[in-house]
């Protein structure tokens, strides 16, 4: 049965659910991607077709299965974007505050979109369920279907 397992690495995570609960623990992200060299990025993993994922709470010995549809925000440590760093193109970054009901998440949105489609609105209307806000050493994967308002912060 082990031959059917996908190699993963445990990643520290905070899960904020749609109902307001919070869980601290670890998620298991595949060590390779079929789209690029290197490990799968957290947003690739969350936007994958599976509806559930394994989560190991810090206060438990066994994993539980969580529904992606009930995750409002998944916060993980930032990872290097080596495939984006190798490109000569400078991608636009927008500073955002995203509201999910009475909760707010702030960070930078890297807009990896074709020229002419680099507005925040264009990015929000992409089909993926989650977007990534980069906030220093943490990335917030935000479920777009739960967003109530997006505020783009103006550069000084």
Protein backbone atom coordinates (compact mmCIF):
# COMPACT_ATOMS: atom_id res chain seq x y z
CA UNK A 1 0.00 0.00 0.00
CA UNK A 2 2.94 2.38 0.56
CA UNK A 3 3.64 2.46 -3.19
CA UNK A 4 0.44 4.48 -3.62
CA UNK A 5 1.51 7.23 -1.22
CA UNK A 6 2.65 10.61 -2.51
CA UNK A 7 5.79 11.84 -0.70
CA UNK A 8 4.95 14.94 1.34
CA UNK A 9 6.55 17.28 3.83
CA UNK A 10 4.82 18.47 6.99
CA UNK A 11 4.28 22.23 7.03
CA UNK A 12 3.23 24.27 10.07
CA UNK A 13 -0.21 25.77 9.50
CA UNK A 14 -2.98 27.80 11.08
CA UNK A 15 -6.47 27.10 9.76
CA UNK A 16 -9.20 29.72 10.18
CA UNK A 17 -12.53 28.14 9.39
CA UNK A 18 -15.55 29.85 7.86
CA UNK A 19 -17.36 29.62 11.21
CA UNK A 20 -14.56 31.47 13.05
CA UNK A 21 -12.82 28.52 14.72
CA UNK A 22 -9.01 28.30 14.54
CA UNK A 23 -6.81 25.19 14.48
CA UNK A 24 -3.02 25.05 14.75
CA UNK A 25 -1.06 22.09 13.41
CA UNK A 26 0.50 20.74 10.24
CA UNK A 27 -0.55 20.11 6.66
CA UNK A 28 1.17 17.72 4.26
CA UNK A 29 2.25 19.24 0.95
CA UNK A 30 3.67 17.06 -1.87
CA UNK A 31 7.44 17.32 -2.30
CA UNK A 32 7.17 17.65 -6.09
CA UNK A 33 4.96 19.40 -8.60
CA UNK A 34 3.87 18.28 -12.05
CA UNK A 35 3.87 21.92 -13.25
CA UNK A 36 7.43 23.01 -12.40
CA UNK A 37 10.63 21.82 -10.81
CA UNK A 38 10.82 21.70 -7.05
CA UNK A 39 8.18 21.21 -4.39
CA UNK A 40 4.52 21.98 -4.89
CA UNK A 41 3.63 25.49 -3.72
CA UNK A 42 0.95 25.81 -1.03
CA UNK A 43 -1.47 27.63 -3.38
CA UNK A 44 -1.09 24.88 -6.00
CA UNK A 45 -1.87 22.30 -3.36
CA UNK A 46 -4.95 24.12 -2.01
CA UNK A 47 -6.23 24.81 -5.53
CA UNK A 48 -5.83 21.16 -6.52
CA UNK A 49 -9.01 19.27 -7.35
CA UNK A 50 -9.32 17.39 -4.05
CA UNK A 51 -12.06 18.61 -1.70
CA UNK A 52 -10.43 17.42 1.53
CA UNK A 53 -6.94 17.40 3.02
CA UNK A 54 -5.21 15.81 5.99
CA UNK A 55 -4.40 18.03 8.98
CA UNK A 56 -2.54 17.06 12.13
CA UNK A 57 -3.59 19.31 15.04
CA UNK A 58 -0.78 20.18 17.48
CA UNK A 59 -2.82 18.74 20.34
CA UNK A 60 -3.57 15.38 18.65
CA UNK A 61 -1.75 12.21 17.66
CA UNK A 62 -3.86 11.42 14.59
CA UNK A 63 -4.72 13.41 11.50
CA UNK A 64 -8.19 14.68 10.73
CA UNK A 65 -9.65 15.41 7.32
CA UNK A 66 -10.72 19.00 6.64
CA UNK A 67 -12.99 20.33 3.92
CA UNK A 68 -11.35 23.01 1.76
CA UNK A 69 -14.76 24.64 1.36
CA UNK A 70 -14.86 25.38 5.11
CA UNK A 71 -11.36 26.91 5.23
CA UNK A 72 -11.48 30.71 5.18
CA UNK A 73 -7.72 31.26 5.56
CA UNK A 74 -4.82 28.81 5.70
CA UNK A 75 -1.62 30.46 6.95
CA UNK A 76 1.71 28.76 6.26
CA UNK A 77 5.38 29.81 6.35
CA UNK A 78 6.53 31.63 3.21
CA UNK A 79 8.37 29.55 0.63
CA UNK A 80 10.84 30.58 -2.07
CA UNK A 81 9.41 31.08 -5.56
CA UNK A 82 12.50 29.92 -7.41
CA UNK A 83 10.69 29.51 -10.74
CA UNK A 84 9.34 33.08 -10.55
CA UNK A 85 12.68 34.49 -9.40
CA UNK A 86 14.38 33.07 -12.51
CA UNK A 87 12.13 35.03 -14.86
CA UNK A 88 13.30 38.40 -16.18
CA UNK A 89 9.78 39.84 -15.99
CA UNK A 90 8.91 41.95 -12.96
CA UNK A 91 5.41 40.98 -11.86
CA UNK A 92 3.16 43.59 -10.27
CA UNK A 93 2.50 43.38 -6.54
CA UNK A 94 -0.59 44.93 -4.92
CA UNK A 95 -0.95 45.62 -1.19
CA UNK A 96 -4.42 44.43 -0.09
CA UNK A 97 -6.66 44.22 2.90
CA UNK A 98 -9.16 41.42 2.46
CA UNK A 99 -12.26 41.17 4.63
CA UNK A 100 -14.03 37.89 5.30
CA UNK A 101 -17.02 39.00 7.33
CA UNK A 102 -15.59 40.59 10.47
CA UNK A 103 -12.06 39.21 9.91
CA UNK A 104 -9.30 41.02 8.01
CA UNK A 105 -6.18 39.69 6.32
CA UNK A 106 -3.47 41.99 4.97
CA UNK A 107 -0.60 41.30 2.61
CA UNK A 108 0.82 41.53 -0.88
CA UNK A 109 -0.78 39.87 -3.90
CA UNK A 110 1.66 38.90 -6.65
CA UNK A 111 -0.24 39.23 -9.91
CA UNK A 112 1.17 36.54 -12.19
CA UNK A 113 -1.14 37.30 -15.10
CA UNK A 114 -0.72 38.21 -18.79
CA UNK A 115 -0.16 41.84 -19.74
CA UNK A 116 -3.50 43.63 -20.00
CA UNK A 117 -5.01 41.45 -17.25
CA UNK A 118 -3.05 42.62 -14.25
CA UNK A 119 -5.75 44.29 -12.21
CA UNK A 120 -6.71 42.91 -8.81
CA UNK A 121 -10.20 42.35 -10.25
CA UNK A 122 -8.74 40.16 -13.02
CA UNK A 123 -6.88 38.08 -10.45
CA UNK A 124 -9.92 37.69 -8.19
CA UNK A 125 -11.99 36.45 -11.12
CA UNK A 126 -9.60 33.60 -11.90
CA UNK A 127 -11.19 30.16 -11.39
CA UNK A 128 -8.92 29.06 -8.51
CA UNK A 129 -10.66 28.83 -5.13
CA UNK A 130 -7.74 30.30 -3.11
CA UNK A 131 -5.46 33.28 -3.56
CA UNK A 132 -2.20 33.92 -1.72
CA UNK A 133 -1.48 37.06 0.28
CA UNK A 134 2.19 37.33 1.20
CA UNK A 135 2.82 38.88 4.60
CA UNK A 136 6.53 38.73 5.35
CA UNK A 137 7.43 35.29 6.67
CA UNK A 138 3.85 34.02 6.32
CA UNK A 139 1.55 33.37 3.39
CA UNK A 140 -2.22 33.55 3.82
CA UNK A 141 -4.19 31.35 1.43
CA UNK A 142 -7.61 33.00 1.34
CA UNK A 143 -10.75 31.30 0.04
CA UNK A 144 -12.11 33.71 -2.56
CA UNK A 145 -15.70 32.51 -2.16
CA UNK A 146 -15.75 33.83 1.44
CA UNK A 147 -14.33 37.29 0.68
CA UNK A 148 -16.78 40.11 1.38
CA UNK A 149 -14.56 43.08 0.47
CA UNK A 150 -11.10 43.80 -0.98
CA UNK A 151 -9.34 47.10 -0.33
CA UNK A 152 -6.32 47.95 -2.44
CA UNK A 153 -3.85 50.03 -0.46
CA UNK A 154 -2.36 52.94 -2.39
CA UNK A 155 1.41 53.34 -2.58
CA UNK A 156 2.74 56.52 -0.99
